[in-house]
């Protein structure tokens, strides 16, 4: 296996790993946000706020990882990242 082919495989696998990690984080954030609503309904205010904070933090991490996945995908296709001037 040549070095160039190995590099191409790792780039393809890398953006897929970031994409799957982002989907997992998004699902976890939805679970925590739903738990926060459930705790609020039962009157557990502090637990609800903590669950909501965790959910929003995981949502932010999911969006960041999704953006990172898009960057790695663009680099693996050879298009690069264009910056706005």
C-alpha atoms as a PDB file:
ATOM      1  CA  UNK A   1       0.000   0.000   0.000  1.00  0.00           C
ATOM      2  CA  UNK A   2       1.537   3.293  -1.026  1.00  0.00           C
ATOM      3  CA  UNK A   3       1.806   6.238   1.323  1.00  0.00           C
ATOM      4  CA  UNK A   4      -0.520   8.401  -0.805  1.00  0.00           C
ATOM      5  CA  UNK A   5      -3.278   5.775  -0.765  1.00  0.00           C
ATOM      6  CA  UNK A   6      -2.882   5.322   2.999  1.00  0.00           C
ATOM      7  CA  UNK A   7      -3.188   9.105   3.463  1.00  0.00           C
ATOM      8  CA  UNK A   8      -6.359   9.175   1.335  1.00  0.00           C
ATOM      9  CA  UNK A   9      -7.943   6.359   3.379  1.00  0.00           C
ATOM     10  CA  UNK A  10      -7.169   8.042   6.681  1.00  0.00           C
ATOM     11  CA  UNK A  11      -8.629  11.346   5.457  1.00  0.00           C
ATOM     12  CA  UNK A  12     -11.831   9.583   4.388  1.00  0.00           C
ATOM     13  CA  UNK A  13     -12.096   7.732   7.666  1.00  0.00           C
ATOM     14  CA  UNK A  14     -11.333  10.865   9.680  1.00  0.00           C
ATOM     15  CA  UNK A  15     -14.288  12.899   8.402  1.00  0.00           C
ATOM     16  CA  UNK A  16     -16.593   9.914   8.875  1.00  0.00           C
ATOM     17  CA  UNK A  17     -15.438   9.581  12.480  1.00  0.00           C
ATOM     18  CA  UNK A  18     -16.086  13.284  13.085  1.00  0.00           C
ATOM     19  CA  UNK A  19     -19.498  13.004  11.455  1.00  0.00           C
ATOM     20  CA  UNK A  20     -20.528  10.002  13.542  1.00  0.00           C
ATOM     21  CA  UNK A  21     -19.218  11.652  16.713  1.00  0.00           C
ATOM     22  CA  UNK A  22     -21.246  14.743  15.916  1.00  0.00           C
ATOM     23  CA  UNK A  23     -24.419  12.687  15.437  1.00  0.00           C
ATOM     24  CA  UNK A  24     -23.822  10.859  18.732  1.00  0.00           C
ATOM     25  CA  UNK A  25     -23.294  14.160  20.563  1.00  0.00           C
ATOM     26  CA  UNK A  26     -26.453  15.585  19.001  1.00  0.00           C
ATOM     27  CA  UNK A  27     -28.512  12.600  20.154  1.00  0.00           C
ATOM     28  CA  UNK A  28     -27.039  12.883  23.660  1.00  0.00           C
ATOM     29  CA  UNK A  29     -27.857  16.587  23.761  1.00  0.00           C
ATOM     30  CA  UNK A  30     -31.476  15.871  22.825  1.00  0.00           C
ATOM     31  CA  UNK A  31     -31.691  13.253  25.568  1.00  0.00           C
ATOM     32  CA  UNK A  32     -30.328  15.658  28.182  1.00  0.00           C
ATOM     33  CA  UNK A  33     -32.638  18.450  27.049  1.00  0.00           C
ATOM     34  CA  UNK A  34     -35.637  16.136  27.274  1.00  0.00           C
ATOM     35  CA  UNK A  35     -34.507  15.015  30.732  1.00  0.00           C
ATOM     36  CA  UNK A  36     -34.311  18.684  31.717  1.00  0.00           C
ATOM     37  CA  UNK A  37     -37.922  19.221  30.682  1.00  0.00           C
ATOM     38  CA  UNK A  38     -38.945  16.069  32.541  1.00  0.00           C
ATOM     39  CA  UNK A  39     -37.174  17.175  35.718  1.00  0.00           C
ATOM     40  CA  UNK A  40     -38.762  20.616  35.471  1.00  0.00           C
ATOM     41  CA  UNK A  41     -42.187  19.008  35.250  1.00  0.00           C
ATOM     42  CA  UNK A  42     -41.513  17.106  38.481  1.00  0.00           C
ATOM     43  CA  UNK A  43     -40.318  20.218  40.284  1.00  0.00           C
ATOM     44  CA  UNK A  44     -36.631  19.339  40.439  1.00  0.00           C
ATOM     45  CA  UNK A  45     -35.385  22.787  39.465  1.00  0.00           C
ATOM     46  CA  UNK A  46     -31.642  22.434  40.099  1.00  0.00           C
ATOM     47  CA  UNK A  47     -31.462  19.056  38.377  1.00  0.00           C
ATOM     48  CA  UNK A  48     -33.449  20.446  35.462  1.00  0.00           C
ATOM     49  CA  UNK A  49     -31.109  23.395  35.024  1.00  0.00           C
ATOM     50  CA  UNK A  50     -28.065  21.151  35.235  1.00  0.00           C
ATOM     51  CA  UNK A  51     -29.514  18.802  32.616  1.00  0.00           C
ATOM     52  CA  UNK A  52     -30.385  21.725  30.346  1.00  0.00           C
ATOM     53  CA  UNK A  53     -26.862  23.135  30.714  1.00  0.00           C
ATOM     54  CA  UNK A  54     -25.380  19.754  29.849  1.00  0.00           C
ATOM     55  CA  UNK A  55     -27.725  19.449  26.866  1.00  0.00           C
ATOM     56  CA  UNK A  56     -26.773  22.851  25.477  1.00  0.00           C
ATOM     57  CA  UNK A  57     -23.084  22.130  26.008  1.00  0.00           C
ATOM     58  CA  UNK A  58     -23.384  18.853  24.121  1.00  0.00           C
ATOM     59  CA  UNK A  59     -25.341  20.608  21.368  1.00  0.00           C
ATOM     60  CA  UNK A  60     -22.560  23.154  20.999  1.00  0.00           C
ATOM     61  CA  UNK A  61     -19.958  20.383  20.862  1.00  0.00           C
ATOM     62  CA  UNK A  62     -22.038  18.577  18.251  1.00  0.00           C
ATOM     63  CA  UNK A  63     -22.235  21.627  15.997  1.00  0.00           C
ATOM     64  CA  UNK A  64     -18.512  22.295  16.376  1.00  0.00           C
ATOM     65  CA  UNK A  65     -17.682  18.688  15.495  1.00  0.00           C
ATOM     66  CA  UNK A  66     -20.031  18.828  12.500  1.00  0.00           C
ATOM     67  CA  UNK A  67     -18.241  21.943  11.249  1.00  0.00           C
ATOM     68  CA  UNK A  68     -14.899  20.201  11.760  1.00  0.00           C
ATOM     69  CA  UNK A  69     -16.200  17.237   9.785  1.00  0.00           C
ATOM     70  CA  UNK A  70     -17.136  19.544   6.909  1.00  0.00           C
ATOM     71  CA  UNK A  71     -13.644  21.080   6.913  1.00  0.00           C
ATOM     72  CA  UNK A  72     -11.944  17.678   6.854  1.00  0.00           C
ATOM     73  CA  UNK A  73     -14.292  16.487   4.088  1.00  0.00           C
ATOM     74  CA  UNK A  74     -13.486  19.539   1.975  1.00  0.00           C
ATOM     75  CA  UNK A  75      -9.770  19.005   2.484  1.00  0.00           C
ATOM     76  CA  UNK A  76     -10.034  15.327   1.592  1.00  0.00           C
ATOM     77  CA  UNK A  77     -11.808  16.219  -1.669  1.00  0.00           C
ATOM     78  CA  UNK A  78      -9.026  18.666  -2.454  1.00  0.00           C
ATOM     79  CA  UNK A  79     -11.283  21.706  -2.620  1.00  0.00           C
ATOM     80  CA  UNK A  80      -9.825  23.453   0.399  1.00  0.00           C
ATOM     81  CA  UNK A  81     -11.485  26.039   2.579  1.00  0.00           C
ATOM     82  CA  UNK A  82     -12.356  29.414   1.110  1.00  0.00           C
ATOM     83  CA  UNK A  83     -12.177  32.425   3.386  1.00  0.00           C
ATOM     84  CA  UNK A  84     -14.427  35.428   2.987  1.00  0.00           C
ATOM     85  CA  UNK A  85     -12.548  38.666   2.536  1.00  0.00           C
END
